[in-house]
């Protein structure tokens, strides 16, 4: 599998898994589970499993200062975007509408990168992001218009989620420590998130783990999805730039819409399939190597390697 095909497959896998995780989390929230408890079981369980598997496989986390600093900062951004702000918003608006905010992550990532580099993004990156955003908006704008006035504050605060996701994308791409494998990065970040969530969990002892016991099948599904999604996302982050990585937001959005239709009975609508085609096209264009894209635009094919 060449590099472009690998990034394309990883984008679809990571986005699809993370989008499915949002839907499972919505089911747990609708069942009355404590958001802090859900988050702790999700990241702590996934982190412990990955850490044990890594140890049994002969791997280890490098105990270097820059590695732990990287893991802690990445964990803090992830917690702010997901278990804190993300789940607060998700508990108040429909899952399909929540993904409207997530789709803005690639745009914010591109803007942050452009500001830091003091130059415009690559044409293929901008084109891919634009096509993907157009596809997602075909489906999500009509859904966002169904949000009631009482949910307006939650939708407004939801805009903080893509900003945090974009900041995390840029930080991880620019500060990834040398010699840190993707599985170790996934395990370390999840374990760090679990440790950071412990104070939040114990701040509400009355809403502890007892209410989660009847929901263990959903929790097991969420942990499994988190493990697979974290491995796919970490591998993609290692081989792709922040802008290309951020396109998983489009896949997350359409996965959320499709899963919401399956689980909650929401109608997909006639525009879902053209939107899906645009998202696939945007991801494919955004993940093309710069040299190949430039050659294709000039009418000169690049020799196969």
Foldseek 3Di string as FASTA:
>chain_A
DDLLVLLLVLLLLLLLLVLVLLVLLLVCVVLPADLLQLLLLQLVVLLVVLQVVCVVVVHDADPDPLSLVLLLVLLVLVCCLPSNLNSVLCSQAPLLQLLLLLLCLLVLLQVVVCVVVVHHDAPLLVVLSVLLNVLLCLQRVVVNVPDDPVSVVSSVSSNVNSNSVSVSLQSCLVSPDPPQDQSSSLSSNSNSNSVVSVVVQVVCVVSHCPSCVVVVVSSVSSNVSSNSSSSSLSVSSVSDHSSLSSLSSSSSSLSNLVVCCVPVVDDRDPSSVVSVVSSSVSSSSNSDDSVQVVCVVVVHGDDDD
